[in-house]
Amino acid sequence: MKNSIKELRKKHLWSQEALAQKLGVSRQTIISIEKGKYHPSLPLAIQLARCFHTTVEEVFHLDEEEETK
């Protein structure tokens, strides 16, 4: 699964630490999600989308290989 968190975060001029604080998670969690090493729970995914004023589908999306499976 791919995500647009890094791009959205930079668009809002937020550091990883600032985003982590807004969500009540660690900076390491944000790093792991951005790198695709950790897939957040549905409640955290919804929180992220709300934080960026967008939809979960805009934040998280399947990469091309996963779409063909």
PDB file of N, CA and C in Angstrom:
ATOM      1  N   MET A   1       0.840  -1.176   0.000  1.00  0.00           N
ATOM      2  CA  MET A   1       0.000   0.000   0.000  1.00  0.00           C
ATOM      3  C   MET A   1       0.888   1.244   0.000  1.00  0.00           C
ATOM      4  N   LYS A   2       0.546   2.168  -0.822  1.00  0.00           N
ATOM      5  CA  LYS A   2       1.263   3.446  -0.909  1.00  0.00           C
ATOM      6  C   LYS A   2       0.498   4.492  -0.119  1.00  0.00           C
ATOM      7  N   ASN A   3       1.195   5.578   0.230  1.00  0.00           N
ATOM      8  CA  ASN A   3       0.504   6.670   0.903  1.00  0.00           C
ATOM      9  C   ASN A   3       1.111   8.004   0.475  1.00  0.00           C
ATOM     10  N   SER A   4       0.347   9.049   0.717  1.00  0.00           N
ATOM     11  CA  SER A   4       0.747  10.402   0.336  1.00  0.00           C
ATOM     12  C   SER A   4       1.047  11.267   1.554  1.00  0.00           C
ATOM     13  N   ILE A   5       1.344  10.626   2.670  1.00  0.00           N
ATOM     14  CA  ILE A   5       1.514  11.377   3.912  1.00  0.00           C
ATOM     15  C   ILE A   5       2.661  12.372   3.829  1.00  0.00           C
ATOM     16  N   LYS A   6       3.788  11.966   3.313  1.00  0.00           N
ATOM     17  CA  LYS A   6       4.940  12.878   3.248  1.00  0.00           C
ATOM     18  C   LYS A   6       4.601  14.116   2.425  1.00  0.00           C
ATOM     19  N   GLU A   7       3.963  13.913   1.281  1.00  0.00           N
ATOM     20  CA  GLU A   7       3.612  15.033   0.413  1.00  0.00           C
ATOM     21  C   GLU A   7       2.580  15.946   1.084  1.00  0.00           C
ATOM     22  N   LEU A   8       1.577  15.340   1.701  1.00  0.00           N
ATOM     23  CA  LEU A   8       0.553  16.132   2.387  1.00  0.00           C
ATOM     24  C   LEU A   8       1.147  16.885   3.571  1.00  0.00           C
ATOM     25  N   ARG A   9       2.029  16.220   4.297  1.00  0.00           N
ATOM     26  CA  ARG A   9       2.676  16.852   5.447  1.00  0.00           C
ATOM     27  C   ARG A   9       3.500  18.054   5.019  1.00  0.00           C
ATOM     28  N   LYS A  10       4.256  17.896   3.951  1.00  0.00           N
ATOM     29  CA  LYS A  10       5.078  19.006   3.462  1.00  0.00           C
ATOM     30  C   LYS A  10       4.217  20.143   2.917  1.00  0.00           C
ATOM     31  N   LYS A  11       3.098  19.791   2.291  1.00  0.00           N
ATOM     32  CA  LYS A  11       2.172  20.808   1.780  1.00  0.00           C
ATOM     33  C   LYS A  11       1.645  21.672   2.927  1.00  0.00           C
ATOM     34  N   HIS A  12       1.436  21.061   4.088  1.00  0.00           N
ATOM     35  CA  HIS A  12       0.948  21.786   5.267  1.00  0.00           C
ATOM     36  C   HIS A  12       2.091  22.384   6.093  1.00  0.00           C
ATOM     37  N   LEU A  13       3.338  22.183   5.623  1.00  0.00           N
ATOM     38  CA  LEU A  13       4.530  22.700   6.304  1.00  0.00           C
ATOM     39  C   LEU A  13       4.677  22.149   7.721  1.00  0.00           C
ATOM     40  N   TRP A  14       4.330  20.865   7.891  1.00  0.00           N
ATOM     41  CA  TRP A  14       4.440  20.213   9.187  1.00  0.00           C
ATOM     42  C   TRP A  14       5.653  19.293   9.203  1.00  0.00           C
ATOM     43  N   SER A  15       6.344  19.267  10.302  1.00  0.00           N
ATOM     44  CA  SER A  15       7.422  18.296  10.486  1.00  0.00           C
ATOM     45  C   SER A  15       6.794  16.956  10.879  1.00  0.00           C
ATOM     46  N   GLN A  16       7.596  15.904  10.842  1.00  0.00           N
ATOM     47  CA  GLN A  16       7.093  14.609  11.297  1.00  0.00           C
ATOM     48  C   GLN A  16       6.692  14.691  12.758  1.00  0.00           C
ATOM     49  N   GLU A  17       7.464  15.403  13.539  1.00  0.00           N
ATOM     50  CA  GLU A  17       7.171  15.558  14.968  1.00  0.00           C
ATOM     51  C   GLU A  17       5.856  16.300  15.184  1.00  0.00           C
ATOM     52  N   ALA A  18       5.621  17.358  14.414  1.00  0.00           N
ATOM     53  CA  ALA A  18       4.377  18.126  14.547  1.00  0.00           C
ATOM     54  C   ALA A  18       3.164  17.260  14.214  1.00  0.00           C
ATOM     55  N   LEU A  19       3.260  16.486  13.139  1.00  0.00           N
ATOM     56  CA  LEU A  19       2.158  15.607  12.763  1.00  0.00           C
ATOM     57  C   LEU A  19       1.940  14.542  13.838  1.00  0.00           C
ATOM     58  N   ALA A  20       3.018  13.987  14.341  1.00  0.00           N
ATOM     59  CA  ALA A  20       2.920  12.972  15.392  1.00  0.00           C
ATOM     60  C   ALA A  20       2.200  13.526  16.610  1.00  0.00           C
ATOM     61  N   GLN A  21       2.537  14.739  16.997  1.00  0.00           N
ATOM     62  CA  GLN A  21       1.889  15.361  18.155  1.00  0.00           C
ATOM     63  C   GLN A  21       0.397  15.582  17.917  1.00  0.00           C
ATOM     64  N   LYS A  22       0.039  15.991  16.701  1.00  0.00           N
ATOM     65  CA  LYS A  22      -1.369  16.206  16.375  1.00  0.00           C
ATOM     66  C   LYS A  22      -2.171  14.908  16.496  1.00  0.00           C
ATOM     67  N   LEU A  23      -1.516  13.793  16.183  1.00  0.00           N
ATOM     68  CA  LEU A  23      -2.191  12.495  16.169  1.00  0.00           C
ATOM     69  C   LEU A  23      -2.025  11.717  17.474  1.00  0.00           C
ATOM     70  N   GLY A  24      -1.131  12.175  18.334  1.00  0.00           N
ATOM     71  CA  GLY A  24      -0.892  11.462  19.582  1.00  0.00           C
ATOM     72  C   GLY A  24      -0.110  10.176  19.393  1.00  0.00           C
ATOM     73  N   VAL A  25       0.794  10.179  18.403  1.00  0.00           N
ATOM     74  CA  VAL A  25       1.653   9.019  18.156  1.00  0.00           C
ATOM     75  C   VAL A  25       3.108   9.482  18.180  1.00  0.00           C
ATOM     76  N   SER A  26       4.020   8.539  18.060  1.00  0.00           N
ATOM     77  CA  SER A  26       5.434   8.902  18.066  1.00  0.00           C
ATOM     78  C   SER A  26       5.893   9.336  16.674  1.00  0.00           C
ATOM     79  N   ARG A  27       6.980  10.065  16.638  1.00  0.00           N
ATOM     80  CA  ARG A  27       7.587  10.463  15.359  1.00  0.00           C
ATOM     81  C   ARG A  27       7.988   9.209  14.582  1.00  0.00           C
ATOM     82  N   GLN A  28       8.447   8.181  15.299  1.00  0.00           N
ATOM     83  CA  GLN A  28       8.852   6.930  14.654  1.00  0.00           C
ATOM     84  C   GLN A  28       7.671   6.288  13.931  1.00  0.00           C
ATOM     85  N   THR A  29       6.483   6.415  14.486  1.00  0.00           N
ATOM     86  CA  THR A  29       5.290   5.876  13.827  1.00  0.00           C
ATOM     87  C   THR A  29       5.060   6.589  12.498  1.00  0.00           C
ATOM     88  N   ILE A  30       5.191   7.903  12.488  1.00  0.00           N
ATOM     89  CA  ILE A  30       5.019   8.672  11.247  1.00  0.00           C
ATOM     90  C   ILE A  30       6.074   8.260  10.223  1.00  0.00           C
ATOM     91  N   ILE A  31       7.314   8.127  10.668  1.00  0.00           N
ATOM     92  CA  ILE A  31       8.397   7.700   9.769  1.00  0.00           C
ATOM     93  C   ILE A  31       8.065   6.343   9.155  1.00  0.00           C
ATOM     94  N   SER A  32       7.641   5.399   9.989  1.00  0.00           N
ATOM     95  CA  SER A  32       7.336   4.046   9.514  1.00  0.00           C
ATOM     96  C   SER A  32       6.171   4.034   8.536  1.00  0.00           C
ATOM     97  N   ILE A  33       5.146   4.836   8.804  1.00  0.00           N
ATOM     98  CA  ILE A  33       4.007   4.904   7.888  1.00  0.00           C
ATOM     99  C   ILE A  33       4.445   5.510   6.562  1.00  0.00           C
ATOM    100  N   GLU A  34       5.200   6.612   6.607  1.00  0.00           N
ATOM    101  CA  GLU A  34       5.664   7.260   5.370  1.00  0.00           C
ATOM    102  C   GLU A  34       6.492   6.310   4.514  1.00  0.00           C
ATOM    103  N   LYS A  35       7.302   5.479   5.156  1.00  0.00           N
ATOM    104  CA  LYS A  35       8.161   4.541   4.422  1.00  0.00           C
ATOM    105  C   LYS A  35       7.423   3.270   3.994  1.00  0.00           C
ATOM    106  N   GLY A  36       6.167   3.126   4.422  1.00  0.00           N
ATOM    107  CA  GLY A  36       5.399   1.941   4.062  1.00  0.00           C
ATOM    108  C   GLY A  36       5.762   0.715   4.875  1.00  0.00           C
ATOM    109  N   LYS A  37       6.459   0.908   5.979  1.00  0.00           N
ATOM    110  CA  LYS A  37       6.859  -0.218   6.831  1.00  0.00           C
ATOM    111  C   LYS A  37       5.804  -0.548   7.874  1.00  0.00           C
ATOM    112  N   TYR A  38       4.851   0.356   8.055  1.00  0.00           N
ATOM    113  CA  TYR A  38       3.787   0.159   9.033  1.00  0.00           C
ATOM    114  C   TYR A  38       2.492   0.660   8.426  1.00  0.00           C
ATOM    115  N   HIS A  39       1.470  -0.188   8.488  1.00  0.00           N
ATOM    116  CA  HIS A  39       0.151   0.203   8.004  1.00  0.00           C
ATOM    117  C   HIS A  39      -0.693   0.551   9.226  1.00  0.00           C
ATOM    118  N   PRO A  40      -1.171   1.774   9.298  1.00  0.00           N
ATOM    119  CA  PRO A  40      -1.912   2.202  10.481  1.00  0.00           C
ATOM    120  C   PRO A  40      -3.262   1.503  10.602  1.00  0.00           C
ATOM    121  N   SER A  41      -3.775   1.502  11.808  1.00  0.00           N
ATOM    122  CA  SER A  41      -5.119   0.984  12.054  1.00  0.00           C
ATOM    123  C   SER A  41      -6.120   1.887  11.323  1.00  0.00           C
ATOM    124  N   LEU A  42      -7.315   1.390  11.151  1.00  0.00           N
ATOM    125  CA  LEU A  42      -8.351   2.186  10.493  1.00  0.00           C
ATOM    126  C   LEU A  42      -8.625   3.481  11.255  1.00  0.00           C
ATOM    127  N   PRO A  43      -8.749   3.453  12.590  1.00  0.00           N
ATOM    128  CA  PRO A  43      -8.965   4.722  13.296  1.00  0.00           C
ATOM    129  C   PRO A  43      -7.836   5.730  13.073  1.00  0.00           C
ATOM    130  N   LEU A  44      -6.589   5.273  13.041  1.00  0.00           N
ATOM    131  CA  LEU A  44      -5.470   6.189  12.801  1.00  0.00           C
ATOM    132  C   LEU A  44      -5.488   6.696  11.363  1.00  0.00           C
ATOM    133  N   ALA A  45      -5.846   5.840  10.414  1.00  0.00           N
ATOM    134  CA  ALA A  45      -5.949   6.264   9.012  1.00  0.00           C
ATOM    135  C   ALA A  45      -7.014   7.352   8.858  1.00  0.00           C
ATOM    136  N   ILE A  46      -8.129   7.182   9.548  1.00  0.00           N
ATOM    137  CA  ILE A  46      -9.194   8.188   9.498  1.00  0.00           C
ATOM    138  C   ILE A  46      -8.715   9.486  10.139  1.00  0.00           C
ATOM    139  N   GLN A  47      -8.013   9.372  11.263  1.00  0.00           N
ATOM    140  CA  GLN A  47      -7.464  10.558  11.934  1.00  0.00           C
ATOM    141  C   GLN A  47      -6.511  11.313  11.012  1.00  0.00           C
ATOM    142  N   LEU A  48      -5.656  10.572  10.311  1.00  0.00           N
ATOM    143  CA  LEU A  48      -4.718  11.190   9.369  1.00  0.00           C
ATOM    144  C   LEU A  48      -5.476  11.944   8.282  1.00  0.00           C
ATOM    145  N   ALA A  49      -6.476  11.303   7.699  1.00  0.00           N
ATOM    146  CA  ALA A  49      -7.253  11.941   6.634  1.00  0.00           C
ATOM    147  C   ALA A  49      -7.922  13.216   7.142  1.00  0.00           C
ATOM    148  N   ARG A  50      -8.494  13.153   8.326  1.00  0.00           N
ATOM    149  CA  ARG A  50      -9.153  14.339   8.888  1.00  0.00           C
ATOM    150  C   ARG A  50      -8.149  15.451   9.154  1.00  0.00           C
ATOM    151  N   CYS A  51      -6.968  15.067   9.603  1.00  0.00           N
ATOM    152  CA  CYS A  51      -5.918  16.040   9.891  1.00  0.00           C
ATOM    153  C   CYS A  51      -5.558  16.820   8.616  1.00  0.00           C
ATOM    154  N   PHE A  52      -5.571  16.128   7.484  1.00  0.00           N
ATOM    155  CA  PHE A  52      -5.231  16.750   6.200  1.00  0.00           C
ATOM    156  C   PHE A  52      -6.465  17.268   5.457  1.00  0.00           C
ATOM    157  N   HIS A  53      -7.637  17.157   6.063  1.00  0.00           N
ATOM    158  CA  HIS A  53      -8.895  17.601   5.457  1.00  0.00           C
ATOM    159  C   HIS A  53      -9.132  16.932   4.106  1.00  0.00           C
ATOM    160  N   THR A  54      -8.967  15.614   4.094  1.00  0.00           N
ATOM    161  CA  THR A  54      -9.174  14.850   2.869  1.00  0.00           C
ATOM    162  C   THR A  54      -9.746  13.489   3.231  1.00  0.00           C
ATOM    163  N   THR A  55      -9.815  12.590   2.261  1.00  0.00           N
ATOM    164  CA  THR A  55     -10.369  11.256   2.490  1.00  0.00           C
ATOM    165  C   THR A  55      -9.254  10.242   2.724  1.00  0.00           C
ATOM    166  N   VAL A  56      -9.610   9.126   3.323  1.00  0.00           N
ATOM    167  CA  VAL A  56      -8.648   8.040   3.532  1.00  0.00           C
ATOM    168  C   VAL A  56      -8.100   7.574   2.182  1.00  0.00           C
ATOM    169  N   GLU A  57      -8.974   7.537   1.174  1.00  0.00           N
ATOM    170  CA  GLU A  57      -8.555   7.094  -0.164  1.00  0.00           C
ATOM    171  C   GLU A  57      -7.529   8.031  -0.798  1.00  0.00           C
ATOM    172  N   GLU A  58      -7.564   9.296  -0.428  1.00  0.00           N
ATOM    173  CA  GLU A  58      -6.575  10.248  -0.943  1.00  0.00           C
ATOM    174  C   GLU A  58      -5.229  10.094  -0.234  1.00  0.00           C
ATOM    175  N   VAL A  59      -5.272   9.619   0.997  1.00  0.00           N
ATOM    176  CA  VAL A  59      -4.044   9.450   1.771  1.00  0.00           C
ATOM    177  C   VAL A  59      -3.400   8.093   1.479  1.00  0.00           C
ATOM    178  N   PHE A  60      -4.220   7.050   1.404  1.00  0.00           N
ATOM    179  CA  PHE A  60      -3.727   5.685   1.187  1.00  0.00           C
ATOM    180  C   PHE A  60      -4.308   5.124  -0.097  1.00  0.00           C
ATOM    181  N   HIS A  61      -3.468   4.457  -0.876  1.00  0.00           N
ATOM    182  CA  HIS A  61      -3.931   3.856  -2.123  1.00  0.00           C
ATOM    183  C   HIS A  61      -3.078   2.637  -2.442  1.00  0.00           C
ATOM    184  N   LEU A  62      -3.672   1.716  -3.155  1.00  0.00           N
ATOM    185  CA  LEU A  62      -2.954   0.515  -3.567  1.00  0.00           C
ATOM    186  C   LEU A  62      -1.977   0.862  -4.671  1.00  0.00           C
ATOM    187  N   ASP A  63      -0.823   0.206  -4.653  1.00  0.00           N
ATOM    188  CA  ASP A  63       0.074   0.407  -5.784  1.00  0.00           C
ATOM    189  C   ASP A  63      -0.412  -0.465  -6.934  1.00  0.00           C
ATOM    190  N   GLU A  64       0.123  -0.281  -8.111  1.00  0.00           N
ATOM    191  CA  GLU A  64      -0.375  -0.960  -9.303  1.00  0.00           C
ATOM    192  C   GLU A  64      -0.348  -2.474  -9.179  1.00  0.00           C
ATOM    193  N   GLU A  65       0.682  -3.035  -8.557  1.00  0.00           N
ATOM    194  CA  GLU A  65       0.779  -4.482  -8.407  1.00  0.00           C
ATOM    195  C   GLU A  65      -0.347  -5.035  -7.539  1.00  0.00           C
ATOM    196  N   GLU A  66      -0.692  -4.324  -6.479  1.00  0.00           N
ATOM    197  CA  GLU A  66      -1.751  -4.782  -5.592  1.00  0.00           C
ATOM    198  C   GLU A  66      -3.125  -4.663  -6.245  1.00  0.00           C
ATOM    199  N   GLU A  67      -3.298  -3.700  -7.127  1.00  0.00           N
ATOM    200  CA  GLU A  67      -4.597  -3.519  -7.803  1.00  0.00           C
ATOM    201  C   GLU A  67      -4.896  -4.657  -8.747  1.00  0.00           C
ATOM    202  N   THR A  68      -3.881  -5.300  -9.315  1.00  0.00           N
ATOM    203  CA  THR A  68      -4.098  -6.373 -10.288  1.00  0.00           C
ATOM    204  C   THR A  68      -4.297  -7.725  -9.628  1.00  0.00           C
ATOM    205  N   LYS A  69      -4.098  -7.822  -8.323  1.00  0.00           N
ATOM    206  CA  LYS A  69      -4.273  -9.110  -7.633  1.00  0.00           C
ATOM    207  C   LYS A  69      -5.726  -9.392  -7.367  1.00  0.00           C
TER     208      LYS A  69
END
